[in-house]
Amino acid sequence: SEKAASDTHQQVQSAGRLIVTLAPAMFNFTRWSFRVDPETARRFTIQVDDARDLPEVLRYSAAGFCHVVSETACKAKLSIRHERVGPDQVLITLEFVEP
């Protein structure tokens, strides 16, 4: 429904804003950005740049942080994938799990 799509959009925007505001405070040597997948509003990506000095163990912690914040803000179950796509960049992708 249109209302459900609007609610999802608001929840995703809220999650993205929270993450890109809070995460740089914990990892102050990195830059964080957020975008909704153009193919579906039910999937969004957090991009971490300047991540060369982010150890792999902290990549997992950061992904866990994103997962918890997103599930709380979206009031839904989300799947998560995260990977270091280059020496200086990490992508964290979250997607709503179909009920």
C-alpha atoms as a PDB file:
ATOM      1  CA  SER A   1       0.000   0.000   0.000  1.00  0.00           C
ATOM      2  CA  GLU A   2       1.009   3.612  -0.430  1.00  0.00           C
ATOM      3  CA  LYS A   3       0.987   4.209   3.348  1.00  0.00           C
ATOM      4  CA  ALA A   4       3.226   1.194   3.958  1.00  0.00           C
ATOM      5  CA  ALA A   5       5.663   2.454   1.306  1.00  0.00           C
ATOM      6  CA  SER A   6       5.641   5.911   2.897  1.00  0.00           C
ATOM      7  CA  ASP A   7       6.243   4.419   6.363  1.00  0.00           C
ATOM      8  CA  THR A   8       9.118   2.306   5.016  1.00  0.00           C
ATOM      9  CA  HIS A   9      10.655   5.364   3.349  1.00  0.00           C
ATOM     10  CA  GLN A  10      10.471   7.362   6.594  1.00  0.00           C
ATOM     11  CA  GLN A  11      11.907   4.511   8.645  1.00  0.00           C
ATOM     12  CA  VAL A  12      14.800   3.974   6.231  1.00  0.00           C
ATOM     13  CA  GLN A  13      15.577   7.704   6.146  1.00  0.00           C
ATOM     14  CA  SER A  14      15.537   7.793   9.953  1.00  0.00           C
ATOM     15  CA  ALA A  15      17.882   4.796  10.195  1.00  0.00           C
ATOM     16  CA  GLY A  16      20.266   6.290   7.641  1.00  0.00           C
ATOM     17  CA  ARG A  17      20.376   9.664   9.386  1.00  0.00           C
ATOM     18  CA  LEU A  18      21.022   8.045  12.763  1.00  0.00           C
ATOM     19  CA  ILE A  19      23.861   5.912  11.447  1.00  0.00           C
ATOM     20  CA  VAL A  20      25.668   8.631   9.485  1.00  0.00           C
ATOM     21  CA  THR A  21      25.371  10.948  12.506  1.00  0.00           C
ATOM     22  CA  LEU A  22      26.424   8.540  15.278  1.00  0.00           C
ATOM     23  CA  ALA A  23      28.976   6.273  13.591  1.00  0.00           C
ATOM     24  CA  PRO A  24      31.514   9.016  12.763  1.00  0.00           C
ATOM     25  CA  ALA A  25      31.563   9.913  16.450  1.00  0.00           C
ATOM     26  CA  MET A  26      32.825   6.392  17.212  1.00  0.00           C
ATOM     27  CA  PHE A  27      35.055   6.069  14.148  1.00  0.00           C
ATOM     28  CA  ASN A  28      36.152   9.698  13.771  1.00  0.00           C
ATOM     29  CA  PHE A  29      38.753   8.948  11.094  1.00  0.00           C
ATOM     30  CA  THR A  30      36.054   7.733   8.662  1.00  0.00           C
ATOM     31  CA  ARG A  31      33.324   9.366   6.545  1.00  0.00           C
ATOM     32  CA  TRP A  32      29.866   7.769   6.386  1.00  0.00           C
ATOM     33  CA  SER A  33      27.136   8.244   3.794  1.00  0.00           C
ATOM     34  CA  PHE A  34      23.795   6.641   3.114  1.00  0.00           C
ATOM     35  CA  ARG A  35      21.716   5.901   0.046  1.00  0.00           C
ATOM     36  CA  VAL A  36      18.520   4.061  -0.717  1.00  0.00           C
ATOM     37  CA  ASP A  37      18.770   1.484  -3.500  1.00  0.00           C
ATOM     38  CA  PRO A  38      17.201   2.987  -6.645  1.00  0.00           C
ATOM     39  CA  GLU A  39      15.617  -0.392  -7.458  1.00  0.00           C
ATOM     40  CA  THR A  40      13.789  -0.831  -4.137  1.00  0.00           C
ATOM     41  CA  ALA A  41      13.197   1.337  -1.070  1.00  0.00           C
ATOM     42  CA  ARG A  42      13.464  -1.836   1.009  1.00  0.00           C
ATOM     43  CA  ARG A  43      17.265  -1.948   0.586  1.00  0.00           C
ATOM     44  CA  PHE A  44      19.795   0.699   1.553  1.00  0.00           C
ATOM     45  CA  THR A  45      23.543   1.015   1.729  1.00  0.00           C
ATOM     46  CA  ILE A  46      25.867   2.673   4.194  1.00  0.00           C
ATOM     47  CA  GLN A  47      29.189   3.603   2.613  1.00  0.00           C
ATOM     48  CA  VAL A  48      32.225   4.094   4.832  1.00  0.00           C
ATOM     49  CA  ASP A  49      35.061   6.028   3.218  1.00  0.00           C
ATOM     50  CA  ASP A  50      38.528   6.777   4.567  1.00  0.00           C
ATOM     51  CA  ALA A  51      38.305   3.298   6.128  1.00  0.00           C
ATOM     52  CA  ARG A  52      41.898   2.240   5.483  1.00  0.00           C
ATOM     53  CA  ASP A  53      42.673   2.305   9.215  1.00  0.00           C
ATOM     54  CA  LEU A  54      39.430   0.538  10.200  1.00  0.00           C
ATOM     55  CA  PRO A  55      40.521  -2.933  11.361  1.00  0.00           C
ATOM     56  CA  GLU A  56      38.423  -5.882  10.194  1.00  0.00           C
ATOM     57  CA  VAL A  57      37.214  -6.587  13.740  1.00  0.00           C
ATOM     58  CA  LEU A  58      35.824  -3.030  13.884  1.00  0.00           C
ATOM     59  CA  ARG A  59      34.210  -3.485  10.470  1.00  0.00           C
ATOM     60  CA  TYR A  60      32.178  -6.305  12.007  1.00  0.00           C
ATOM     61  CA  SER A  61      31.351  -4.155  15.047  1.00  0.00           C
ATOM     62  CA  ALA A  62      30.324  -1.235  12.832  1.00  0.00           C
ATOM     63  CA  ALA A  63      28.107  -3.527  10.755  1.00  0.00           C
ATOM     64  CA  GLY A  64      26.490  -4.859  13.929  1.00  0.00           C
ATOM     65  CA  PHE A  65      25.870  -1.300  15.101  1.00  0.00           C
ATOM     66  CA  CYS A  66      24.236  -0.458  11.752  1.00  0.00           C
ATOM     67  CA  HIS A  67      22.114  -3.597  11.922  1.00  0.00           C
ATOM     68  CA  VAL A  68      20.778  -2.899  15.428  1.00  0.00           C
ATOM     69  CA  VAL A  69      20.110   0.794  14.753  1.00  0.00           C
ATOM     70  CA  SER A  70      18.362  -0.034  11.471  1.00  0.00           C
ATOM     71  CA  GLU A  71      16.158  -2.783  12.888  1.00  0.00           C
ATOM     72  CA  THR A  72      15.181  -0.512  15.773  1.00  0.00           C
ATOM     73  CA  ALA A  73      14.442   2.512  13.570  1.00  0.00           C
ATOM     74  CA  CYS A  74      12.624   0.448  10.937  1.00  0.00           C
ATOM     75  CA  LYS A  75      10.769  -1.738  13.460  1.00  0.00           C
ATOM     76  CA  ALA A  76      11.464  -4.698  11.184  1.00  0.00           C
ATOM     77  CA  LYS A  77      13.860  -7.564  10.589  1.00  0.00           C
ATOM     78  CA  LEU A  78      16.631  -6.732   8.148  1.00  0.00           C
ATOM     79  CA  SER A  79      19.303  -8.822   6.501  1.00  0.00           C
ATOM     80  CA  ILE A  80      22.810  -7.409   6.380  1.00  0.00           C
ATOM     81  CA  ARG A  81      25.856  -7.820   4.135  1.00  0.00           C
ATOM     82  CA  HIS A  82      29.102  -5.973   4.605  1.00  0.00           C
ATOM     83  CA  GLU A  83      32.352  -6.054   2.735  1.00  0.00           C
ATOM     84  CA  ARG A  84      35.542  -4.138   2.238  1.00  0.00           C
ATOM     85  CA  VAL A  85      35.265  -3.209  -1.434  1.00  0.00           C
ATOM     86  CA  GLY A  86      38.624  -1.476  -1.526  1.00  0.00           C
ATOM     87  CA  PRO A  87      41.451  -0.695   0.877  1.00  0.00           C
ATOM     88  CA  ASP A  88      39.732   2.550   1.863  1.00  0.00           C
ATOM     89  CA  GLN A  89      36.022   1.696   1.557  1.00  0.00           C
ATOM     90  CA  VAL A  90      33.441  -0.511   3.272  1.00  0.00           C
ATOM     91  CA  LEU A  91      29.876  -1.085   2.093  1.00  0.00           C
ATOM     92  CA  ILE A  92      27.141  -2.181   4.479  1.00  0.00           C
ATOM     93  CA  THR A  93      23.890  -3.210   2.779  1.00  0.00           C
ATOM     94  CA  LEU A  94      20.674  -3.712   4.722  1.00  0.00           C
ATOM     95  CA  GLU A  95      17.428  -5.068   3.327  1.00  0.00           C
ATOM     96  CA  PHE A  96      14.013  -5.761   4.768  1.00  0.00           C
ATOM     97  CA  VAL A  97      13.338  -9.461   5.263  1.00  0.00           C
ATOM     98  CA  GLU A  98      10.000 -10.399   3.782  1.00  0.00           C
ATOM     99  CA  PRO A  99       7.523 -11.512   6.457  1.00  0.00           C
END
